[in-house]
Structure formats: C-alpha cells, structure tokens
Amino acid sequence: AVAAIHGEAERLMRLHDLLAPRLVDGDRLVYLGNLIGHGTRIAETMD
C-alpha cells in the first residue's frame, strides 16, 4: 500500500525505485488516494 502522494513526483519516483526490487510473485499493489494536490508536480506524478 502506498500512502498519500500529494503530487510529490520525485518522492514517488524514488519510492518506486525502492519498491521494484522488493516485489515478489503474488504481490498486489494499491495506492491509497490523494495522488494529486498540494505538490507542484502533479502531471509528473500521474505520468
């Protein structure tokens, strides 16, 4: 589960870099909302 991101694209990119090698067969993934808002890199976060 990924917590509220609030448009912090750089933090999301770094988190994804840490998460990718930890994934194993059978893992599921859920983003818990507040993907946008507050931050200044909303479009990059969505990308």
All heavy atoms as atom14 arrays in JSON, in Angstrom:
{
  "sequence": "AVAAIHGEAERLMRLHDLLAPRLVDGDRLVYLGNLIGHGTRIAETMD",
  "atom14_mask": [
    [1, 1, 1, 1, 1, 0, 0, 0, 0, 0, 0, 0, 0, 0],
    [1, 1, 1, 1, 1, 1, 1, 0, 0, 0, 0, 0, 0, 0],
    [1, 1, 1, 1, 1, 0, 0, 0, 0, 0, 0, 0, 0, 0],
    [1, 1, 1, 1, 1, 0, 0, 0, 0, 0, 0, 0, 0, 0],
    [1, 1, 1, 1, 1, 1, 1, 1, 0, 0, 0, 0, 0, 0],
    [1, 1, 1, 1, 1, 1, 1, 1, 1, 1, 0, 0, 0, 0],
    [1, 1, 1, 1, 0, 0, 0, 0, 0, 0, 0, 0, 0, 0],
    [1, 1, 1, 1, 1, 1, 1, 1, 1, 0, 0, 0, 0, 0],
    [1, 1, 1, 1, 1, 0, 0, 0, 0, 0, 0, 0, 0, 0],
    [1, 1, 1, 1, 1, 1, 1, 1, 1, 0, 0, 0, 0, 0],
    [1, 1, 1, 1, 1, 1, 1, 1, 1, 1, 1, 0, 0, 0],
    [1, 1, 1, 1, 1, 1, 1, 1, 0, 0, 0, 0, 0, 0],
    [1, 1, 1, 1, 1, 1, 1, 1, 0, 0, 0, 0, 0, 0],
    [1, 1, 1, 1, 1, 1, 1, 1, 1, 1, 1, 0, 0, 0],
    [1, 1, 1, 1, 1, 1, 1, 1, 0, 0, 0, 0, 0, 0],
    [1, 1, 1, 1, 1, 1, 1, 1, 1, 1, 0, 0, 0, 0],
    [1, 1, 1, 1, 1, 1, 1, 1, 0, 0, 0, 0, 0, 0],
    [1, 1, 1, 1, 1, 1, 1, 1, 0, 0, 0, 0, 0, 0],
    [1, 1, 1, 1, 1, 1, 1, 1, 0, 0, 0, 0, 0, 0],
    [1, 1, 1, 1, 1, 0, 0, 0, 0, 0, 0, 0, 0, 0],
    [1, 1, 1, 1, 1, 1, 1, 0, 0, 0, 0, 0, 0, 0],
    [1, 1, 1, 1, 1, 1, 1, 1, 1, 1, 1, 0, 0, 0],
    [1, 1, 1, 1, 1, 1, 1, 1, 0, 0, 0, 0, 0, 0],
    [1, 1, 1, 1, 1, 1, 1, 0, 0, 0, 0, 0, 0, 0],
    [1, 1, 1, 1, 1, 1, 1, 1, 0, 0, 0, 0, 0, 0],
    [1, 1, 1, 1, 0, 0, 0, 0, 0, 0, 0, 0, 0, 0],
    [1, 1, 1, 1, 1, 1, 1, 1, 0, 0, 0, 0, 0, 0],
    [1, 1, 1, 1, 1, 1, 1, 1, 1, 1, 1, 0, 0, 0],
    [1, 1, 1, 1, 1, 1, 1, 1, 0, 0, 0, 0, 0, 0],
    [1, 1, 1, 1, 1, 1, 1, 0, 0, 0, 0, 0, 0, 0],
    [1, 1, 1, 1, 1, 1, 1, 1, 1, 1, 1, 1, 0, 0],
    [1, 1, 1, 1, 1, 1, 1, 1, 0, 0, 0, 0, 0, 0],
    [1, 1, 1, 1, 0, 0, 0, 0, 0, 0, 0, 0, 0, 0],
    [1, 1, 1, 1, 1, 1, 1, 1, 0, 0, 0, 0, 0, 0],
    [1, 1, 1, 1, 1, 1, 1, 1, 0, 0, 0, 0, 0, 0],
    [1, 1, 1, 1, 1, 1, 1, 1, 0, 0, 0, 0, 0, 0],
    [1, 1, 1, 1, 0, 0, 0, 0, 0, 0, 0, 0, 0, 0],
    [1, 1, 1, 1, 1, 1, 1, 1, 1, 1, 0, 0, 0, 0],
    [1, 1, 1, 1, 0, 0, 0, 0, 0, 0, 0, 0, 0, 0],
    [1, 1, 1, 1, 1, 1, 1, 0, 0, 0, 0, 0, 0, 0],
    [1, 1, 1, 1, 1, 1, 1, 1, 1, 1, 1, 0, 0, 0],
    [1, 1, 1, 1, 1, 1, 1, 1, 0, 0, 0, 0, 0, 0],
    [1, 1, 1, 1, 1, 0, 0, 0, 0, 0, 0, 0, 0, 0],
    [1, 1, 1, 1, 1, 1, 1, 1, 1, 0, 0, 0, 0, 0],
    [1, 1, 1, 1, 1, 1, 1, 0, 0, 0, 0, 0, 0, 0],
    [1, 1, 1, 1, 1, 1, 1, 1, 0, 0, 0, 0, 0, 0],
    [1, 1, 1, 1, 1, 1, 1, 1, 0, 0, 0, 0, 0, 0]
  ],
  "atom14_positions": [
    [[0.85, -1.19, 0.0], [0.0, 0.0, 0.0], [0.89, 1.24, 0.0], [1.83, 1.34, 0.79], [-0.91, 0.01, 1.23], [0.0, 0.0, 0.0], [0.0, 0.0, 0.0], [0.0, 0.0, 0.0], [0.0, 0.0, 0.0], [0.0, 0.0, 0.0], [0.0, 0.0, 0.0], [0.0, 0.0, 0.0], [0.0, 0.0, 0.0], [0.0, 0.0, 0.0]],
    [[0.58, 2.18, -0.88], [1.33, 3.43, -0.99], [0.49, 4.55, -0.4], [-0.68, 4.73, -0.77], [1.7, 3.74, -2.45], [2.46, 5.06, -2.54], [2.53, 2.6, -3.04], [0.0, 0.0, 0.0], [0.0, 0.0, 0.0], [0.0, 0.0, 0.0], [0.0, 0.0, 0.0], [0.0, 0.0, 0.0], [0.0, 0.0, 0.0], [0.0, 0.0, 0.0]],
    [[1.07, 5.33, 0.5], [0.36, 6.4, 1.18], [0.09, 7.58, 0.25], [0.49, 7.58, -0.92], [1.18, 6.85, 2.4], [0.0, 0.0, 0.0], [0.0, 0.0, 0.0], [0.0, 0.0, 0.0], [0.0, 0.0, 0.0], [0.0, 0.0, 0.0], [0.0, 0.0, 0.0], [0.0, 0.0, 0.0], [0.0, 0.0, 0.0], [0.0, 0.0, 0.0]],
    [[-0.59, 8.6, 0.77], [-0.91, 9.81, 0.02], [0.36, 10.42, -0.57], [1.34, 10.62, 0.14], [-1.62, 10.8, 0.93], [0.0, 0.0, 0.0], [0.0, 0.0, 0.0], [0.0, 0.0, 0.0], [0.0, 0.0, 0.0], [0.0, 0.0, 0.0], [0.0, 0.0, 0.0], [0.0, 0.0, 0.0], [0.0, 0.0, 0.0], [0.0, 0.0, 0.0]],
    [[0.31, 10.74, -1.85], [1.48, 11.24, -2.58], [1.48, 12.76, -2.68], [2.52, 13.41, -2.6], [1.52, 10.62, -3.99], [1.55, 9.09, -3.9], [2.73, 11.14, -4.79], [1.19, 8.39, -5.2], [0.0, 0.0, 0.0], [0.0, 0.0, 0.0], [0.0, 0.0, 0.0], [0.0, 0.0, 0.0], [0.0, 0.0, 0.0], [0.0, 0.0, 0.0]],
    [[0.3, 13.33, -2.89], [0.13, 14.79, -2.95], [1.05, 15.45, -3.98], [1.64, 16.51, -3.73], [0.36, 15.42, -1.57], [-0.78, 15.2, -0.63], [-0.62, 14.67, 0.64], [-2.11, 15.41, -0.77], [-1.79, 14.57, 1.23], [-2.71, 15.02, 0.4], [0.0, 0.0, 0.0], [0.0, 0.0, 0.0], [0.0, 0.0, 0.0], [0.0, 0.0, 0.0]],
    [[1.17, 14.83, -5.14], [1.91, 15.46, -6.22], [3.4, 15.55, -6.03], [4.08, 16.31, -6.73], [0.0, 0.0, 0.0], [0.0, 0.0, 0.0], [0.0, 0.0, 0.0], [0.0, 0.0, 0.0], [0.0, 0.0, 0.0], [0.0, 0.0, 0.0], [0.0, 0.0, 0.0], [0.0, 0.0, 0.0], [0.0, 0.0, 0.0], [0.0, 0.0, 0.0]],
    [[3.95, 14.77, -5.12], [5.4, 14.77, -4.88], [6.05, 13.76, -5.81], [6.39, 12.63, -5.42], [5.7, 14.43, -3.41], [5.19, 15.47, -2.43], [6.17, 16.61, -2.22], [7.24, 16.6, -2.84], [5.85, 17.51, -1.44], [0.0, 0.0, 0.0], [0.0, 0.0, 0.0], [0.0, 0.0, 0.0], [0.0, 0.0, 0.0], [0.0, 0.0, 0.0]],
    [[6.23, 14.15, -7.06], [6.69, 13.22, -8.1], [8.06, 12.64, -7.8], [8.3, 11.44, -8.03], [6.7, 13.93, -9.45], [0.0, 0.0, 0.0], [0.0, 0.0, 0.0], [0.0, 0.0, 0.0], [0.0, 0.0, 0.0], [0.0, 0.0, 0.0], [0.0, 0.0, 0.0], [0.0, 0.0, 0.0], [0.0, 0.0, 0.0], [0.0, 0.0, 0.0]],
    [[8.99, 13.45, -7.32], [10.34, 12.94, -7.07], [10.34, 11.88, -5.98], [11.05, 10.86, -6.09], [11.26, 14.1, -6.68], [11.56, 15.04, -7.84], [12.53, 16.14, -7.45], [13.05, 16.12, -6.32], [12.76, 17.03, -8.29], [0.0, 0.0, 0.0], [0.0, 0.0, 0.0], [0.0, 0.0, 0.0], [0.0, 0.0, 0.0], [0.0, 0.0, 0.0]],
    [[9.56, 12.11, -4.93], [9.48, 11.1, -3.87], [8.85, 9.81, -4.4], [9.27, 8.71, -4.04], [8.67, 11.63, -2.69], [9.37, 12.74, -1.91], [8.64, 13.06, -0.61], [9.25, 14.15, 0.11], [10.29, 14.03, 0.92], [10.83, 12.83, 1.11], [10.79, 15.08, 1.56], [0.0, 0.0, 0.0], [0.0, 0.0, 0.0], [0.0, 0.0, 0.0]],
    [[7.83, 9.95, -5.26], [7.19, 8.76, -5.83], [8.18, 7.98, -6.69], [8.22, 6.75, -6.63], [5.97, 9.16, -6.64], [5.22, 8.02, -7.32], [4.68, 7.02, -6.29], [4.08, 8.55, -8.19], [0.0, 0.0, 0.0], [0.0, 0.0, 0.0], [0.0, 0.0, 0.0], [0.0, 0.0, 0.0], [0.0, 0.0, 0.0], [0.0, 0.0, 0.0]],
    [[8.97, 8.68, -7.48], [9.96, 8.0, -8.32], [10.97, 7.24, -7.47], [11.31, 6.09, -7.77], [10.68, 9.03, -9.2], [9.81, 9.68, -10.26], [10.68, 11.02, -11.12], [9.33, 11.75, -12.06], [0.0, 0.0, 0.0], [0.0, 0.0, 0.0], [0.0, 0.0, 0.0], [0.0, 0.0, 0.0], [0.0, 0.0, 0.0], [0.0, 0.0, 0.0]],
    [[11.44, 7.87, -6.39], [12.4, 7.21, -5.51], [11.76, 6.02, -4.82], [12.39, 4.96, -4.65], [12.95, 8.19, -4.48], [13.85, 9.28, -5.08], [14.73, 9.92, -4.02], [13.96, 10.6, -2.99], [13.6, 11.88, -3.04], [13.92, 12.61, -4.1], [12.94, 12.44, -2.05], [0.0, 0.0, 0.0], [0.0, 0.0, 0.0], [0.0, 0.0, 0.0]],
    [[10.5, 6.17, -4.4], [9.82, 5.06, -3.75], [9.65, 3.89, -4.72], [9.87, 2.72, -4.34], [8.44, 5.52, -3.24], [7.7, 4.44, -2.46], [7.79, 4.71, -0.96], [6.25, 4.33, -2.88], [0.0, 0.0, 0.0], [0.0, 0.0, 0.0], [0.0, 0.0, 0.0], [0.0, 0.0, 0.0], [0.0, 0.0, 0.0], [0.0, 0.0, 0.0]],
    [[9.29, 4.18, -5.94], [9.15, 3.12, -6.95], [10.48, 2.41, -7.18], [10.51, 1.18, -7.37], [8.62, 3.7, -8.26], [7.14, 3.92, -8.27], [6.51, 4.76, -9.17], [6.15, 3.4, -7.48], [5.21, 4.75, -8.94], [4.97, 3.93, -7.93], [0.0, 0.0, 0.0], [0.0, 0.0, 0.0], [0.0, 0.0, 0.0], [0.0, 0.0, 0.0]],
    [[11.57, 3.17, -7.16], [12.89, 2.56, -7.33], [13.21, 1.6, -6.19], [13.87, 0.56, -6.39], [13.98, 3.64, -7.4], [13.96, 4.41, -8.72], [13.35, 3.91, -9.68], [14.56, 5.5, -8.77], [0.0, 0.0, 0.0], [0.0, 0.0, 0.0], [0.0, 0.0, 0.0], [0.0, 0.0, 0.0], [0.0, 0.0, 0.0], [0.0, 0.0, 0.0]],
    [[12.75, 1.93, -4.98], [12.96, 1.05, -3.83], [12.0, -0.13, -3.83], [12.34, -1.23, -3.4], [12.79, 1.84, -2.53], [13.81, 2.95, -2.26], [13.37, 3.78, -1.06], [15.18, 2.35, -2.01], [0.0, 0.0, 0.0], [0.0, 0.0, 0.0], [0.0, 0.0, 0.0], [0.0, 0.0, 0.0], [0.0, 0.0, 0.0], [0.0, 0.0, 0.0]],
    [[10.8, 0.11, -4.33], [9.77, -0.92, -4.31], [10.01, -2.01, -5.36], [9.82, -3.2, -5.07], [8.41, -0.26, -4.54], [7.19, -1.18, -4.68], [7.01, -2.05, -3.44], [5.93, -0.36, -4.95], [0.0, 0.0, 0.0], [0.0, 0.0, 0.0], [0.0, 0.0, 0.0], [0.0, 0.0, 0.0], [0.0, 0.0, 0.0], [0.0, 0.0, 0.0]],
    [[10.42, -1.62, -6.55], [10.53, -2.57, -7.66], [11.34, -3.82, -7.32], [10.88, -4.95, -7.58], [11.12, -1.86, -8.88], [0.0, 0.0, 0.0], [0.0, 0.0, 0.0], [0.0, 0.0, 0.0], [0.0, 0.0, 0.0], [0.0, 0.0, 0.0], [0.0, 0.0, 0.0], [0.0, 0.0, 0.0], [0.0, 0.0, 0.0], [0.0, 0.0, 0.0]],
    [[12.54, -3.7, -6.72], [13.3, -4.94, -6.43], [12.74, -5.75, -5.27], [13.15, -6.9, -5.08], [14.7, -4.4, -6.09], [14.49, -3.01, -5.64], [13.33, -2.49, -6.43], [0.0, 0.0, 0.0], [0.0, 0.0, 0.0], [0.0, 0.0, 0.0], [0.0, 0.0, 0.0], [0.0, 0.0, 0.0], [0.0, 0.0, 0.0], [0.0, 0.0, 0.0]],
    [[11.81, -5.19, -4.53], [11.21, -5.92, -3.4], [10.02, -6.77, -3.82], [9.58, -7.64, -3.07], [10.75, -4.94, -2.32], [11.86, -4.38, -1.43], [11.27, -3.3, -0.52], [12.05, -3.04, 0.67], [13.07, -2.21, 0.73], [13.47, -1.57, -0.37], [13.72, -2.02, 1.87], [0.0, 0.0, 0.0], [0.0, 0.0, 0.0], [0.0, 0.0, 0.0]],
    [[9.47, -6.51, -4.98], [8.27, -7.22, -5.43], [8.58, -8.7, -5.68], [9.6, -9.04, -6.27], [7.72, -6.58, -6.7], [7.18, -5.16, -6.56], [6.84, -4.58, -7.92], [5.95, -5.12, -5.64], [0.0, 0.0, 0.0], [0.0, 0.0, 0.0], [0.0, 0.0, 0.0], [0.0, 0.0, 0.0], [0.0, 0.0, 0.0], [0.0, 0.0, 0.0]],
    [[7.66, -9.55, -5.25], [7.78, -10.98, -5.48], [6.49, -11.49, -6.12], [5.47, -10.8, -6.14], [8.07, -11.75, -4.17], [9.35, -11.24, -3.52], [6.9, -11.63, -3.2], [0.0, 0.0, 0.0], [0.0, 0.0, 0.0], [0.0, 0.0, 0.0], [0.0, 0.0, 0.0], [0.0, 0.0, 0.0], [0.0, 0.0, 0.0], [0.0, 0.0, 0.0]],
    [[6.55, -12.7, -6.62], [5.39, -13.31, -7.26], [4.22, -13.35, -6.29], [4.36, -13.79, -5.14], [5.75, -14.73, -7.72], [4.69, -15.31, -8.63], [3.95, -14.54, -9.26], [4.59, -16.55, -8.7], [0.0, 0.0, 0.0], [0.0, 0.0, 0.0], [0.0, 0.0, 0.0], [0.0, 0.0, 0.0], [0.0, 0.0, 0.0], [0.0, 0.0, 0.0]],
    [[3.07, -12.87, -6.73], [1.88, -12.88, -5.9], [1.6, -11.58, -5.18], [0.57, -11.44, -4.51], [0.0, 0.0, 0.0], [0.0, 0.0, 0.0], [0.0, 0.0, 0.0], [0.0, 0.0, 0.0], [0.0, 0.0, 0.0], [0.0, 0.0, 0.0], [0.0, 0.0, 0.0], [0.0, 0.0, 0.0], [0.0, 0.0, 0.0], [0.0, 0.0, 0.0]],
    [[2.49, -10.58, -5.3], [2.26, -9.29, -4.65], [1.14, -8.53, -5.34], [0.99, -8.58, -6.57], [3.54, -8.45, -4.68], [4.51, -8.83, -3.58], [4.22, -9.79, -2.83], [5.57, -8.16, -3.47], [0.0, 0.0, 0.0], [0.0, 0.0, 0.0], [0.0, 0.0, 0.0], [0.0, 0.0, 0.0], [0.0, 0.0, 0.0], [0.0, 0.0, 0.0]],
    [[0.39, -7.78, -4.54], [-0.64, -6.87, -5.04], [-0.24, -5.45, -4.63], [0.53, -5.26, -3.7], [-2.01, -7.23, -4.47], [-2.37, -8.71, -4.59], [-2.54, -9.15, -6.03], [-2.86, -10.58, -6.13], [-2.14, -11.46, -6.79], [-1.03, -11.09, -7.41], [-2.51, -12.72, -6.85], [0.0, 0.0, 0.0], [0.0, 0.0, 0.0], [0.0, 0.0, 0.0]],
    [[-0.81, -4.46, -5.31], [-0.39, -3.08, -5.1], [-1.61, -2.16, -5.1], [-2.46, -2.24, -5.99], [0.57, -2.66, -6.21], [1.08, -1.22, -6.24], [1.86, -0.88, -4.97], [1.95, -0.99, -7.48], [0.0, 0.0, 0.0], [0.0, 0.0, 0.0], [0.0, 0.0, 0.0], [0.0, 0.0, 0.0], [0.0, 0.0, 0.0], [0.0, 0.0, 0.0]],
    [[-1.69, -1.27, -4.09], [-2.8, -0.32, -4.02], [-2.27, 1.04, -3.58], [-1.48, 1.15, -2.65], [-3.92, -0.82, -3.07], [-3.39, -1.12, -1.69], [-5.07, 0.18, -3.0], [0.0, 0.0, 0.0], [0.0, 0.0, 0.0], [0.0, 0.0, 0.0], [0.0, 0.0, 0.0], [0.0, 0.0, 0.0], [0.0, 0.0, 0.0], [0.0, 0.0, 0.0]],
    [[-2.71, 2.08, -4.29], [-2.38, 3.46, -3.96], [-3.58, 4.06, -3.23], [-4.71, 4.03, -3.75], [-2.06, 4.27, -5.22], [-0.82, 3.79, -5.95], [-0.9, 2.74, -6.87], [0.42, 4.39, -5.74], [0.22, 2.3, -7.55], [1.55, 3.95, -6.42], [1.45, 2.91, -7.33], [2.57, 2.48, -8.01], [0.0, 0.0, 0.0], [0.0, 0.0, 0.0]],
    [[-3.34, 4.64, -2.06], [-4.44, 4.98, -1.17], [-4.95, 6.41, -1.31], [-5.35, 7.05, -0.33], [-4.01, 4.72, 0.29], [-3.56, 3.28, 0.57], [-3.27, 3.08, 2.05], [-4.6, 2.27, 0.08], [0.0, 0.0, 0.0], [0.0, 0.0, 0.0], [0.0, 0.0, 0.0], [0.0, 0.0, 0.0], [0.0, 0.0, 0.0], [0.0, 0.0, 0.0]],
    [[-4.99, 6.92, -2.53], [-5.63, 8.21, -2.78], [-4.74, 9.4, -2.48], [-3.6, 9.28, -2.04], [0.0, 0.0, 0.0], [0.0, 0.0, 0.0], [0.0, 0.0, 0.0], [0.0, 0.0, 0.0], [0.0, 0.0, 0.0], [0.0, 0.0, 0.0], [0.0, 0.0, 0.0], [0.0, 0.0, 0.0], [0.0, 0.0, 0.0], [0.0, 0.0, 0.0]],
    [[-5.3, 10.62, -2.74], [-4.53, 11.86, -2.65], [-3.26, 11.74, -3.49], [-2.16, 12.05, -3.04], [-4.21, 12.21, -1.2], [-5.42, 12.71, -0.43], [-6.55, 12.33, -0.75], [-5.21, 13.56, 0.54], [0.0, 0.0, 0.0], [0.0, 0.0, 0.0], [0.0, 0.0, 0.0], [0.0, 0.0, 0.0], [0.0, 0.0, 0.0], [0.0, 0.0, 0.0]],
    [[-3.45, 11.29, -4.71], [-2.37, 11.22, -5.67], [-1.96, 12.63, -6.07], [-0.78, 12.91, -6.3], [-2.82, 10.45, -6.92], [-3.59, 9.14, -6.68], [-4.12, 8.61, -8.01], [-2.7, 8.12, -6.02], [0.0, 0.0, 0.0], [0.0, 0.0, 0.0], [0.0, 0.0, 0.0], [0.0, 0.0, 0.0], [0.0, 0.0, 0.0], [0.0, 0.0, 0.0]],
    [[-2.94, 13.53, -6.14], [-2.74, 14.91, -6.58], [-2.92, 15.85, -5.39], [-3.2, 15.43, -4.28], [-3.71, 15.26, -7.72], [-5.18, 15.13, -7.24], [-3.49, 14.34, -8.91], [-6.21, 15.54, -8.28], [0.0, 0.0, 0.0], [0.0, 0.0, 0.0], [0.0, 0.0, 0.0], [0.0, 0.0, 0.0], [0.0, 0.0, 0.0], [0.0, 0.0, 0.0]],
    [[-2.76, 17.15, -5.65], [-2.97, 18.16, -4.62], [-1.73, 18.5, -3.83], [-0.86, 17.66, -3.62], [0.0, 0.0, 0.0], [0.0, 0.0, 0.0], [0.0, 0.0, 0.0], [0.0, 0.0, 0.0], [0.0, 0.0, 0.0], [0.0, 0.0, 0.0], [0.0, 0.0, 0.0], [0.0, 0.0, 0.0], [0.0, 0.0, 0.0], [0.0, 0.0, 0.0]],
    [[-1.65, 19.75, -3.4], [-0.58, 20.29, -2.56], [0.75, 20.43, -3.31], [1.35, 21.5, -3.29], [-0.39, 19.46, -1.28], [-1.5, 19.63, -0.3], [-1.68, 20.77, 0.44], [-2.51, 18.8, 0.05], [-2.75, 20.64, 1.2], [-3.27, 19.46, 0.98], [0.0, 0.0, 0.0], [0.0, 0.0, 0.0], [0.0, 0.0, 0.0], [0.0, 0.0, 0.0]],
    [[1.25, 19.39, -3.92], [2.54, 19.45, -4.59], [2.5, 20.25, -5.87], [1.44, 20.65, -6.37], [0.0, 0.0, 0.0], [0.0, 0.0, 0.0], [0.0, 0.0, 0.0], [0.0, 0.0, 0.0], [0.0, 0.0, 0.0], [0.0, 0.0, 0.0], [0.0, 0.0, 0.0], [0.0, 0.0, 0.0], [0.0, 0.0, 0.0], [0.0, 0.0, 0.0]],
    [[3.68, 20.46, -6.44], [3.79, 21.29, -7.65], [4.07, 20.48, -8.91], [4.19, 21.05, -9.99], [4.93, 22.32, -7.47], [6.16, 21.63, -7.22], [4.64, 23.27, -6.31], [0.0, 0.0, 0.0], [0.0, 0.0, 0.0], [0.0, 0.0, 0.0], [0.0, 0.0, 0.0], [0.0, 0.0, 0.0], [0.0, 0.0, 0.0], [0.0, 0.0, 0.0]],
    [[4.16, 19.15, -8.77], [4.48, 18.32, -9.94], [3.39, 17.25, -10.14], [3.64, 16.06, -10.19], [5.85, 17.68, -9.78], [6.99, 18.71, -9.69], [8.34, 18.02, -9.67], [8.59, 17.28, -10.92], [9.6, 16.44, -11.09], [10.46, 16.22, -10.1], [9.76, 15.81, -12.23], [0.0, 0.0, 0.0], [0.0, 0.0, 0.0], [0.0, 0.0, 0.0]],
    [[2.17, 17.75, -10.28], [1.01, 16.86, -10.4], [1.08, 16.03, -11.68], [0.9, 14.81, -11.66], [-0.29, 17.68, -10.38], [-0.37, 18.57, -9.13], [-1.49, 16.75, -10.47], [-0.33, 17.85, -7.83], [0.0, 0.0, 0.0], [0.0, 0.0, 0.0], [0.0, 0.0, 0.0], [0.0, 0.0, 0.0], [0.0, 0.0, 0.0], [0.0, 0.0, 0.0]],
    [[1.33, 16.68, -12.81], [1.36, 15.97, -14.08], [2.44, 14.9, -14.09], [2.22, 13.76, -14.56], [1.56, 16.94, -15.24], [0.0, 0.0, 0.0], [0.0, 0.0, 0.0], [0.0, 0.0, 0.0], [0.0, 0.0, 0.0], [0.0, 0.0, 0.0], [0.0, 0.0, 0.0], [0.0, 0.0, 0.0], [0.0, 0.0, 0.0], [0.0, 0.0, 0.0]],
    [[3.61, 15.23, -13.54], [4.7, 14.26, -13.48], [4.36, 13.09, -12.56], [4.75, 11.95, -12.81], [5.99, 14.94, -13.0], [6.55, 15.96, -13.96], [6.05, 17.36, -13.68], [4.94, 17.51, -13.11], [6.75, 18.32, -14.04], [0.0, 0.0, 0.0], [0.0, 0.0, 0.0], [0.0, 0.0, 0.0], [0.0, 0.0, 0.0], [0.0, 0.0, 0.0]],
    [[3.62, 13.37, -11.5], [3.17, 12.3, -10.6], [2.27, 11.33, -11.33], [2.42, 10.1, -11.22], [2.43, 12.9, -9.39], [3.34, 13.71, -8.64], [1.87, 11.81, -8.49], [0.0, 0.0, 0.0], [0.0, 0.0, 0.0], [0.0, 0.0, 0.0], [0.0, 0.0, 0.0], [0.0, 0.0, 0.0], [0.0, 0.0, 0.0], [0.0, 0.0, 0.0]],
    [[1.32, 11.86, -12.08], [0.42, 11.0, -12.83], [1.18, 10.18, -13.87], [0.92, 8.99, -14.05], [-0.66, 11.85, -13.51], [-1.57, 12.6, -12.55], [-2.57, 11.49, -11.54], [-3.66, 10.85, -12.8], [0.0, 0.0, 0.0], [0.0, 0.0, 0.0], [0.0, 0.0, 0.0], [0.0, 0.0, 0.0], [0.0, 0.0, 0.0], [0.0, 0.0, 0.0]],
    [[2.14, 10.81, -14.54], [2.95, 10.09, -15.53], [3.72, 8.95, -14.87], [3.83, 7.85, -15.44], [3.93, 11.05, -16.21], [3.26, 12.03, -17.15], [2.13, 11.74, -17.59], [3.87, 13.08, -17.45], [0.0, 0.0, 0.0], [0.0, 0.0, 0.0], [0.0, 0.0, 0.0], [0.0, 0.0, 0.0], [0.0, 0.0, 0.0], [0.0, 0.0, 0.0]]
  ]
}
